[in-house]
All heavy atoms as atom14 arrays in JSON, in Angstrom:
{
  "sequence": "NDWSNRLATGQELGADTAFGFIFSEEFRNLNLCNEHYVDSMYAAF",
  "atom14_mask": [
    [1, 1, 1, 1, 1, 1, 1, 1, 0, 0, 0, 0, 0, 0],
    [1, 1, 1, 1, 1, 1, 1, 1, 0, 0, 0, 0, 0, 0],
    [1, 1, 1, 1, 1, 1, 1, 1, 1, 1, 1, 1, 1, 1],
    [1, 1, 1, 1, 1, 1, 0, 0, 0, 0, 0, 0, 0, 0],
    [1, 1, 1, 1, 1, 1, 1, 1, 0, 0, 0, 0, 0, 0],
    [1, 1, 1, 1, 1, 1, 1, 1, 1, 1, 1, 0, 0, 0],
    [1, 1, 1, 1, 1, 1, 1, 1, 0, 0, 0, 0, 0, 0],
    [1, 1, 1, 1, 1, 0, 0, 0, 0, 0, 0, 0, 0, 0],
    [1, 1, 1, 1, 1, 1, 1, 0, 0, 0, 0, 0, 0, 0],
    [1, 1, 1, 1, 0, 0, 0, 0, 0, 0, 0, 0, 0, 0],
    [1, 1, 1, 1, 1, 1, 1, 1, 1, 0, 0, 0, 0, 0],
    [1, 1, 1, 1, 1, 1, 1, 1, 1, 0, 0, 0, 0, 0],
    [1, 1, 1, 1, 1, 1, 1, 1, 0, 0, 0, 0, 0, 0],
    [1, 1, 1, 1, 0, 0, 0, 0, 0, 0, 0, 0, 0, 0],
    [1, 1, 1, 1, 1, 0, 0, 0, 0, 0, 0, 0, 0, 0],
    [1, 1, 1, 1, 1, 1, 1, 1, 0, 0, 0, 0, 0, 0],
    [1, 1, 1, 1, 1, 1, 1, 0, 0, 0, 0, 0, 0, 0],
    [1, 1, 1, 1, 1, 0, 0, 0, 0, 0, 0, 0, 0, 0],
    [1, 1, 1, 1, 1, 1, 1, 1, 1, 1, 1, 0, 0, 0],
    [1, 1, 1, 1, 0, 0, 0, 0, 0, 0, 0, 0, 0, 0],
    [1, 1, 1, 1, 1, 1, 1, 1, 1, 1, 1, 0, 0, 0],
    [1, 1, 1, 1, 1, 1, 1, 1, 0, 0, 0, 0, 0, 0],
    [1, 1, 1, 1, 1, 1, 1, 1, 1, 1, 1, 0, 0, 0],
    [1, 1, 1, 1, 1, 1, 0, 0, 0, 0, 0, 0, 0, 0],
    [1, 1, 1, 1, 1, 1, 1, 1, 1, 0, 0, 0, 0, 0],
    [1, 1, 1, 1, 1, 1, 1, 1, 1, 0, 0, 0, 0, 0],
    [1, 1, 1, 1, 1, 1, 1, 1, 1, 1, 1, 0, 0, 0],
    [1, 1, 1, 1, 1, 1, 1, 1, 1, 1, 1, 0, 0, 0],
    [1, 1, 1, 1, 1, 1, 1, 1, 0, 0, 0, 0, 0, 0],
    [1, 1, 1, 1, 1, 1, 1, 1, 0, 0, 0, 0, 0, 0],
    [1, 1, 1, 1, 1, 1, 1, 1, 0, 0, 0, 0, 0, 0],
    [1, 1, 1, 1, 1, 1, 1, 1, 0, 0, 0, 0, 0, 0],
    [1, 1, 1, 1, 1, 1, 0, 0, 0, 0, 0, 0, 0, 0],
    [1, 1, 1, 1, 1, 1, 1, 1, 0, 0, 0, 0, 0, 0],
    [1, 1, 1, 1, 1, 1, 1, 1, 1, 0, 0, 0, 0, 0],
    [1, 1, 1, 1, 1, 1, 1, 1, 1, 1, 0, 0, 0, 0],
    [1, 1, 1, 1, 1, 1, 1, 1, 1, 1, 1, 1, 0, 0],
    [1, 1, 1, 1, 1, 1, 1, 0, 0, 0, 0, 0, 0, 0],
    [1, 1, 1, 1, 1, 1, 1, 1, 0, 0, 0, 0, 0, 0],
    [1, 1, 1, 1, 1, 1, 0, 0, 0, 0, 0, 0, 0, 0],
    [1, 1, 1, 1, 1, 1, 1, 1, 0, 0, 0, 0, 0, 0],
    [1, 1, 1, 1, 1, 1, 1, 1, 1, 1, 1, 1, 0, 0],
    [1, 1, 1, 1, 1, 0, 0, 0, 0, 0, 0, 0, 0, 0],
    [1, 1, 1, 1, 1, 0, 0, 0, 0, 0, 0, 0, 0, 0],
    [1, 1, 1, 1, 1, 1, 1, 1, 1, 1, 1, 0, 0, 0]
  ],
  "atom14_positions": [
    [[-0.53, -7.41, -11.12], [-0.81, -8.72, -10.52], [0.04, -8.98, -9.28], [-0.44, -9.52, -8.28], [-0.57, -9.83, -11.55], [-1.61, -9.83, -12.65], [-2.71, -9.29, -12.49], [-1.28, -10.41, -13.79], [0.0, 0.0, 0.0], [0.0, 0.0, 0.0], [0.0, 0.0, 0.0], [0.0, 0.0, 0.0], [0.0, 0.0, 0.0], [0.0, 0.0, 0.0]],
    [[1.31, -8.58, -9.36], [2.22, -8.84, -8.23], [1.8, -8.07, -6.99], [1.67, -8.64, -5.9], [3.65, -8.48, -8.64], [4.64, -8.77, -7.53], [4.64, -9.9, -7.01], [5.41, -7.86, -7.17], [0.0, 0.0, 0.0], [0.0, 0.0, 0.0], [0.0, 0.0, 0.0], [0.0, 0.0, 0.0], [0.0, 0.0, 0.0], [0.0, 0.0, 0.0]],
    [[1.57, -6.77, -7.14], [1.16, -5.97, -5.99], [-0.19, -6.4, -5.45], [-0.41, -6.46, -4.23], [1.12, -4.49, -6.37], [2.45, -3.81, -6.37], [3.15, -3.35, -7.45], [3.26, -3.52, -5.23], [4.33, -2.79, -7.05], [4.44, -2.87, -5.69], [3.11, -3.74, -3.86], [5.45, -2.45, -4.84], [4.13, -3.32, -3.01], [5.28, -2.69, -3.49]],
    [[-1.12, -6.72, -6.35], [-2.46, -7.15, -5.93], [-2.38, -8.44, -5.15], [-3.06, -8.62, -4.13], [-3.36, -7.32, -7.15], [-3.53, -6.1, -7.84], [0.0, 0.0, 0.0], [0.0, 0.0, 0.0], [0.0, 0.0, 0.0], [0.0, 0.0, 0.0], [0.0, 0.0, 0.0], [0.0, 0.0, 0.0], [0.0, 0.0, 0.0], [0.0, 0.0, 0.0]],
    [[-1.54, -9.36, -5.6], [-1.39, -10.64, -4.91], [-0.8, -10.45, -3.52], [-1.23, -11.08, -2.55], [-0.5, -11.58, -5.74], [-0.35, -12.94, -5.08], [-1.32, -13.67, -4.91], [0.88, -13.28, -4.69], [0.0, 0.0, 0.0], [0.0, 0.0, 0.0], [0.0, 0.0, 0.0], [0.0, 0.0, 0.0], [0.0, 0.0, 0.0], [0.0, 0.0, 0.0]],
    [[0.17, -9.57, -3.41], [0.79, -9.32, -2.09], [-0.22, -8.75, -1.11], [-0.23, -9.12, 0.07], [1.95, -8.33, -2.25], [3.15, -8.87, -3.01], [4.3, -7.88, -2.89], [5.18, -7.92, -4.04], [6.25, -7.16, -4.16], [6.55, -6.3, -3.21], [7.01, -7.23, -5.24], [0.0, 0.0, 0.0], [0.0, 0.0, 0.0], [0.0, 0.0, 0.0]],
    [[-1.06, -7.84, -1.59], [-2.07, -7.26, -0.71], [-3.15, -8.28, -0.35], [-3.6, -8.36, 0.79], [-2.71, -6.04, -1.38], [-1.85, -4.77, -1.41], [-2.41, -3.77, -2.4], [-1.77, -4.14, -0.02], [0.0, 0.0, 0.0], [0.0, 0.0, 0.0], [0.0, 0.0, 0.0], [0.0, 0.0, 0.0], [0.0, 0.0, 0.0], [0.0, 0.0, 0.0]],
    [[-3.56, -9.07, -1.33], [-4.62, -10.05, -1.11], [-4.21, -11.13, -0.13], [-5.03, -11.63, 0.65], [-5.03, -10.68, -2.45], [0.0, 0.0, 0.0], [0.0, 0.0, 0.0], [0.0, 0.0, 0.0], [0.0, 0.0, 0.0], [0.0, 0.0, 0.0], [0.0, 0.0, 0.0], [0.0, 0.0, 0.0], [0.0, 0.0, 0.0], [0.0, 0.0, 0.0]],
    [[-2.94, -11.5, -0.15], [-2.45, -12.57, 0.73], [-1.92, -12.05, 2.06], [-1.5, -12.84, 2.91], [-1.34, -13.38, 0.03], [-0.28, -12.48, -0.33], [-1.88, -14.08, -1.2], [0.0, 0.0, 0.0], [0.0, 0.0, 0.0], [0.0, 0.0, 0.0], [0.0, 0.0, 0.0], [0.0, 0.0, 0.0], [0.0, 0.0, 0.0], [0.0, 0.0, 0.0]],
    [[-1.91, -10.75, 2.24], [-1.43, -10.18, 3.5], [0.07, -10.02, 3.58], [0.6, -9.65, 4.64], [0.0, 0.0, 0.0], [0.0, 0.0, 0.0], [0.0, 0.0, 0.0], [0.0, 0.0, 0.0], [0.0, 0.0, 0.0], [0.0, 0.0, 0.0], [0.0, 0.0, 0.0], [0.0, 0.0, 0.0], [0.0, 0.0, 0.0], [0.0, 0.0, 0.0]],
    [[0.78, -10.3, 2.49], [2.23, -10.1, 2.51], [2.56, -8.61, 2.65], [3.6, -8.26, 3.21], [2.85, -10.61, 1.21], [2.71, -12.11, 0.99], [3.27, -12.5, -0.38], [4.44, -12.26, -0.68], [2.44, -13.11, -1.21], [0.0, 0.0, 0.0], [0.0, 0.0, 0.0], [0.0, 0.0, 0.0], [0.0, 0.0, 0.0], [0.0, 0.0, 0.0]],
    [[1.71, -7.77, 2.1], [1.92, -6.31, 2.17], [0.63, -5.65, 2.65], [-0.47, -6.17, 2.42], [2.27, -5.75, 0.78], [3.45, -6.42, 0.09], [4.79, -5.92, 0.59], [4.8, -5.09, 1.52], [5.82, -6.35, 0.05], [0.0, 0.0, 0.0], [0.0, 0.0, 0.0], [0.0, 0.0, 0.0], [0.0, 0.0, 0.0], [0.0, 0.0, 0.0]],
    [[0.78, -4.51, 3.33], [-0.35, -3.68, 3.72], [-0.26, -2.35, 2.96], [0.68, -2.13, 2.19], [-0.33, -3.44, 5.23], [-0.36, -4.7, 6.1], [-0.27, -4.33, 7.58], [-1.62, -5.52, 5.84], [0.0, 0.0, 0.0], [0.0, 0.0, 0.0], [0.0, 0.0, 0.0], [0.0, 0.0, 0.0], [0.0, 0.0, 0.0], [0.0, 0.0, 0.0]],
    [[-1.21, -1.48, 3.18], [-1.22, -0.23, 2.45], [0.06, 0.57, 2.64], [0.6, 1.14, 1.69], [0.0, 0.0, 0.0], [0.0, 0.0, 0.0], [0.0, 0.0, 0.0], [0.0, 0.0, 0.0], [0.0, 0.0, 0.0], [0.0, 0.0, 0.0], [0.0, 0.0, 0.0], [0.0, 0.0, 0.0], [0.0, 0.0, 0.0], [0.0, 0.0, 0.0]],
    [[0.57, 0.6, 3.86], [1.79, 1.36, 4.14], [2.98, 0.78, 3.39], [3.82, 1.53, 2.88], [2.06, 1.35, 5.65], [0.0, 0.0, 0.0], [0.0, 0.0, 0.0], [0.0, 0.0, 0.0], [0.0, 0.0, 0.0], [0.0, 0.0, 0.0], [0.0, 0.0, 0.0], [0.0, 0.0, 0.0], [0.0, 0.0, 0.0], [0.0, 0.0, 0.0]],
    [[3.08, -0.55, 3.34], [4.18, -1.19, 2.63], [4.12, -0.86, 1.14], [5.14, -0.62, 0.49], [4.12, -2.71, 2.8], [4.07, -3.13, 4.26], [4.9, -2.63, 5.02], [3.19, -3.93, 4.62], [0.0, 0.0, 0.0], [0.0, 0.0, 0.0], [0.0, 0.0, 0.0], [0.0, 0.0, 0.0], [0.0, 0.0, 0.0], [0.0, 0.0, 0.0]],
    [[2.91, -0.87, 0.6], [2.74, -0.55, -0.81], [3.14, 0.89, -1.09], [3.78, 1.19, -2.11], [1.27, -0.78, -1.23], [0.88, -2.11, -0.86], [1.09, -0.61, -2.73], [0.0, 0.0, 0.0], [0.0, 0.0, 0.0], [0.0, 0.0, 0.0], [0.0, 0.0, 0.0], [0.0, 0.0, 0.0], [0.0, 0.0, 0.0], [0.0, 0.0, 0.0]],
    [[2.77, 1.79, -0.18], [3.15, 3.2, -0.32], [4.67, 3.33, -0.41], [5.19, 4.02, -1.29], [2.62, 4.0, 0.87], [0.0, 0.0, 0.0], [0.0, 0.0, 0.0], [0.0, 0.0, 0.0], [0.0, 0.0, 0.0], [0.0, 0.0, 0.0], [0.0, 0.0, 0.0], [0.0, 0.0, 0.0], [0.0, 0.0, 0.0], [0.0, 0.0, 0.0]],
    [[5.37, 2.66, 0.49], [6.83, 2.72, 0.46], [7.37, 2.15, -0.84], [8.3, 2.71, -1.44], [7.41, 1.94, 1.65], [8.91, 1.88, 1.65], [9.66, 2.94, 2.13], [9.58, 0.77, 1.14], [11.05, 2.9, 2.12], [10.97, 0.72, 1.12], [11.7, 1.79, 1.62], [0.0, 0.0, 0.0], [0.0, 0.0, 0.0], [0.0, 0.0, 0.0]],
    [[6.79, 1.05, -1.29], [7.26, 0.42, -2.52], [7.18, 1.33, -3.72], [8.07, 1.32, -4.58], [0.0, 0.0, 0.0], [0.0, 0.0, 0.0], [0.0, 0.0, 0.0], [0.0, 0.0, 0.0], [0.0, 0.0, 0.0], [0.0, 0.0, 0.0], [0.0, 0.0, 0.0], [0.0, 0.0, 0.0], [0.0, 0.0, 0.0], [0.0, 0.0, 0.0]],
    [[6.14, 2.14, -3.79], [5.98, 3.05, -4.92], [6.82, 4.31, -4.76], [7.52, 4.73, -5.69], [4.51, 3.42, -5.11], [3.73, 2.41, -5.9], [3.16, 1.3, -5.29], [3.59, 2.53, -7.27], [2.45, 0.34, -6.02], [2.89, 1.58, -8.02], [2.32, 0.49, -7.39], [0.0, 0.0, 0.0], [0.0, 0.0, 0.0], [0.0, 0.0, 0.0]],
    [[6.75, 4.94, -3.59], [7.44, 6.22, -3.4], [8.95, 6.06, -3.43], [9.68, 6.95, -3.9], [6.99, 6.89, -2.08], [5.48, 7.19, -2.14], [7.77, 8.18, -1.84], [5.05, 8.05, -3.29], [0.0, 0.0, 0.0], [0.0, 0.0, 0.0], [0.0, 0.0, 0.0], [0.0, 0.0, 0.0], [0.0, 0.0, 0.0], [0.0, 0.0, 0.0]],
    [[9.45, 4.94, -2.95], [10.91, 4.75, -2.94], [11.37, 3.84, -4.08], [12.49, 3.34, -4.07], [11.36, 4.22, -1.58], [11.44, 5.31, -0.55], [10.32, 5.66, 0.19], [12.6, 6.02, -0.36], [10.37, 6.69, 1.11], [12.66, 7.06, 0.56], [11.54, 7.38, 1.3], [0.0, 0.0, 0.0], [0.0, 0.0, 0.0], [0.0, 0.0, 0.0]],
    [[10.51, 3.68, -5.07], [10.91, 2.92, -6.25], [11.88, 3.75, -7.1], [11.89, 4.99, -7.03], [9.7, 2.55, -7.1], [9.11, 3.71, -7.67], [0.0, 0.0, 0.0], [0.0, 0.0, 0.0], [0.0, 0.0, 0.0], [0.0, 0.0, 0.0], [0.0, 0.0, 0.0], [0.0, 0.0, 0.0], [0.0, 0.0, 0.0], [0.0, 0.0, 0.0]],
    [[12.68, 3.08, -7.89], [13.6, 3.79, -8.77], [12.84, 4.68, -9.75], [13.28, 5.79, -10.07], [14.47, 2.79, -9.54], [15.52, 3.44, -10.42], [16.42, 2.45, -11.12], [16.23, 1.23, -10.92], [17.32, 2.88, -11.87], [0.0, 0.0, 0.0], [0.0, 0.0, 0.0], [0.0, 0.0, 0.0], [0.0, 0.0, 0.0], [0.0, 0.0, 0.0]],
    [[11.69, 4.2, -10.22], [10.92, 4.98, -11.19], [10.44, 6.29, -10.59], [10.49, 7.35, -11.24], [9.74, 4.15, -11.69], [8.96, 4.83, -12.8], [7.89, 3.93, -13.42], [7.84, 2.72, -13.08], [7.1, 4.44, -14.24], [0.0, 0.0, 0.0], [0.0, 0.0, 0.0], [0.0, 0.0, 0.0], [0.0, 0.0, 0.0], [0.0, 0.0, 0.0]],
    [[9.96, 6.26, -9.34], [9.51, 7.49, -8.7], [10.69, 8.4, -8.41], [10.63, 9.62, -8.61], [8.76, 7.18, -7.41], [8.16, 8.4, -6.76], [6.92, 8.88, -7.16], [8.84, 9.08, -5.77], [6.37, 10.02, -6.57], [8.31, 10.23, -5.18], [7.07, 10.69, -5.58], [0.0, 0.0, 0.0], [0.0, 0.0, 0.0], [0.0, 0.0, 0.0]],
    [[11.8, 7.83, -7.92], [12.99, 8.64, -7.64], [13.45, 9.39, -8.89], [13.87, 10.54, -8.82], [14.13, 7.74, -7.16], [13.96, 7.17, -5.75], [15.03, 6.11, -5.5], [14.93, 5.51, -4.2], [15.66, 5.86, -3.14], [16.55, 6.82, -3.26], [15.51, 5.26, -1.98], [0.0, 0.0, 0.0], [0.0, 0.0, 0.0], [0.0, 0.0, 0.0]],
    [[13.35, 8.71, -10.03], [13.83, 9.3, -11.28], [13.0, 10.49, -11.74], [13.41, 11.21, -12.65], [13.89, 8.25, -12.38], [15.03, 7.26, -12.18], [15.98, 7.53, -11.44], [14.94, 6.11, -12.83], [0.0, 0.0, 0.0], [0.0, 0.0, 0.0], [0.0, 0.0, 0.0], [0.0, 0.0, 0.0], [0.0, 0.0, 0.0], [0.0, 0.0, 0.0]],
    [[11.84, 10.7, -11.13], [11.04, 11.88, -11.45], [11.71, 13.15, -10.92], [11.41, 14.25, -11.38], [9.63, 11.76, -10.87], [8.73, 10.66, -11.46], [7.43, 10.58, -10.67], [8.45, 10.93, -12.94], [0.0, 0.0, 0.0], [0.0, 0.0, 0.0], [0.0, 0.0, 0.0], [0.0, 0.0, 0.0], [0.0, 0.0, 0.0], [0.0, 0.0, 0.0]],
    [[12.6, 12.99, -9.92], [13.33, 14.12, -9.35], [12.4, 15.26, -8.92], [12.69, 16.44, -9.18], [14.35, 14.67, -10.37], [15.55, 13.77, -10.52], [16.13, 13.32, -9.54], [15.92, 13.48, -11.75], [0.0, 0.0, 0.0], [0.0, 0.0, 0.0], [0.0, 0.0, 0.0], [0.0, 0.0, 0.0], [0.0, 0.0, 0.0], [0.0, 0.0, 0.0]],
    [[11.32, 14.91, -8.27], [10.35, 15.94, -7.9], [10.95, 16.97, -6.95], [11.63, 16.62, -5.98], [9.12, 15.29, -7.25], [8.3, 14.33, -8.11], [7.06, 13.88, -7.35], [7.91, 14.97, -9.43], [0.0, 0.0, 0.0], [0.0, 0.0, 0.0], [0.0, 0.0, 0.0], [0.0, 0.0, 0.0], [0.0, 0.0, 0.0], [0.0, 0.0, 0.0]],
    [[10.67, 18.22, -7.22], [11.06, 19.28, -6.3], [10.2, 19.14, -5.04], [9.22, 18.4, -5.03], [10.87, 20.65, -6.94], [9.16, 21.03, -7.39], [0.0, 0.0, 0.0], [0.0, 0.0, 0.0], [0.0, 0.0, 0.0], [0.0, 0.0, 0.0], [0.0, 0.0, 0.0], [0.0, 0.0, 0.0], [0.0, 0.0, 0.0], [0.0, 0.0, 0.0]],
    [[10.56, 19.86, -3.99], [9.83, 19.73, -2.73], [8.34, 20.03, -2.89], [7.48, 19.33, -2.32], [10.43, 20.66, -1.68], [11.75, 20.13, -1.12], [12.11, 18.99, -1.36], [12.46, 20.98, -0.4], [0.0, 0.0, 0.0], [0.0, 0.0, 0.0], [0.0, 0.0, 0.0], [0.0, 0.0, 0.0], [0.0, 0.0, 0.0], [0.0, 0.0, 0.0]],
    [[8.03, 21.06, -3.65], [6.62, 21.44, -3.83], [5.82, 20.31, -4.47], [4.74, 19.94, -4.0], [6.52, 22.7, -4.69], [5.08, 23.16, -4.9], [4.99, 24.28, -5.92], [6.03, 24.72, -6.44], [3.85, 24.71, -6.19], [0.0, 0.0, 0.0], [0.0, 0.0, 0.0], [0.0, 0.0, 0.0], [0.0, 0.0, 0.0], [0.0, 0.0, 0.0]],
    [[6.35, 19.74, -5.54], [5.61, 18.69, -6.23], [5.66, 17.36, -5.48], [4.77, 16.52, -5.64], [6.12, 18.54, -7.66], [5.68, 19.66, -8.55], [6.55, 20.4, -9.31], [4.45, 20.21, -8.76], [5.87, 21.34, -9.96], [4.6, 21.23, -9.64], [0.0, 0.0, 0.0], [0.0, 0.0, 0.0], [0.0, 0.0, 0.0], [0.0, 0.0, 0.0]],
    [[6.68, 17.16, -4.67], [6.7, 15.97, -3.81], [5.55, 16.03, -2.81], [4.82, 15.05, -2.62], [8.04, 15.87, -3.06], [8.12, 14.66, -2.16], [8.36, 13.39, -2.68], [7.93, 14.79, -0.78], [8.42, 12.27, -1.85], [7.98, 13.68, 0.04], [8.23, 12.42, -0.49], [8.27, 11.32, 0.34], [0.0, 0.0, 0.0], [0.0, 0.0, 0.0]],
    [[5.37, 17.19, -2.18], [4.26, 17.34, -1.23], [2.92, 17.18, -1.95], [2.0, 16.52, -1.44], [4.35, 18.7, -0.51], [3.09, 18.95, 0.32], [5.59, 18.74, 0.38], [0.0, 0.0, 0.0], [0.0, 0.0, 0.0], [0.0, 0.0, 0.0], [0.0, 0.0, 0.0], [0.0, 0.0, 0.0], [0.0, 0.0, 0.0], [0.0, 0.0, 0.0]],
    [[2.82, 17.76, -3.14], [1.59, 17.6, -3.92], [1.3, 16.12, -4.17], [0.14, 15.69, -4.1], [1.71, 18.31, -5.27], [1.62, 19.83, -5.15], [1.13, 20.31, -4.11], [2.04, 20.52, -6.1], [0.0, 0.0, 0.0], [0.0, 0.0, 0.0], [0.0, 0.0, 0.0], [0.0, 0.0, 0.0], [0.0, 0.0, 0.0], [0.0, 0.0, 0.0]],
    [[2.34, 15.35, -4.47], [2.16, 13.92, -4.75], [1.71, 13.17, -3.5], [0.95, 12.21, -3.59], [3.45, 13.31, -5.31], [4.43, 13.16, -4.32], [0.0, 0.0, 0.0], [0.0, 0.0, 0.0], [0.0, 0.0, 0.0], [0.0, 0.0, 0.0], [0.0, 0.0, 0.0], [0.0, 0.0, 0.0], [0.0, 0.0, 0.0], [0.0, 0.0, 0.0]],
    [[2.18, 13.61, -2.32], [1.75, 12.97, -1.07], [0.26, 13.18, -0.84], [-0.47, 12.25, -0.47], [2.54, 13.55, 0.12], [4.03, 13.28, 0.13], [4.49, 11.54, 0.35], [4.86, 11.1, -1.36], [0.0, 0.0, 0.0], [0.0, 0.0, 0.0], [0.0, 0.0, 0.0], [0.0, 0.0, 0.0], [0.0, 0.0, 0.0], [0.0, 0.0, 0.0]],
    [[-0.19, 14.41, -1.04], [-1.62, 14.7, -0.88], [-2.46, 13.88, -1.87], [-3.49, 13.3, -1.5], [-1.89, 16.18, -1.1], [-1.73, 17.04, 0.14], [-0.58, 17.8, 0.33], [-2.72, 17.08, 1.12], [-0.42, 18.59, 1.47], [-2.57, 17.86, 2.25], [-1.42, 18.61, 2.43], [-1.27, 19.38, 3.56], [0.0, 0.0, 0.0], [0.0, 0.0, 0.0]],
    [[-2.02, 13.85, -3.12], [-2.79, 13.13, -4.14], [-2.82, 11.63, -3.88], [-3.87, 10.99, -3.97], [-2.21, 13.42, -5.53], [0.0, 0.0, 0.0], [0.0, 0.0, 0.0], [0.0, 0.0, 0.0], [0.0, 0.0, 0.0], [0.0, 0.0, 0.0], [0.0, 0.0, 0.0], [0.0, 0.0, 0.0], [0.0, 0.0, 0.0], [0.0, 0.0, 0.0]],
    [[-1.65, 11.06, -3.55], [-1.55, 9.62, -3.38], [-2.24, 9.11, -2.12], [-2.93, 8.09, -2.15], [-0.08, 9.2, -3.36], [0.0, 0.0, 0.0], [0.0, 0.0, 0.0], [0.0, 0.0, 0.0], [0.0, 0.0, 0.0], [0.0, 0.0, 0.0], [0.0, 0.0, 0.0], [0.0, 0.0, 0.0], [0.0, 0.0, 0.0], [0.0, 0.0, 0.0]],
    [[-2.09, 9.83, -1.02], [-2.53, 9.29, 0.26], [-3.75, 9.98, 0.87], [-4.38, 9.43, 1.77], [-1.36, 9.31, 1.25], [-0.14, 8.65, 0.7], [1.07, 9.31, 0.62], [-0.2, 7.34, 0.23], [2.19, 8.69, 0.09], [0.91, 6.71, -0.31], [2.11, 7.38, -0.38], [0.0, 0.0, 0.0], [0.0, 0.0, 0.0], [0.0, 0.0, 0.0]]
  ]
}
């Protein structure tokens, strides 16, 4: 609901949302190696 509201009201754009997820503590804690980080970029974006 929070992310959807931010996008709907223009507080955030797609790029801002991308940063919010990729640099979130939860994503950081995955400790992805370089190979899987690149894989995640292709899949996500």
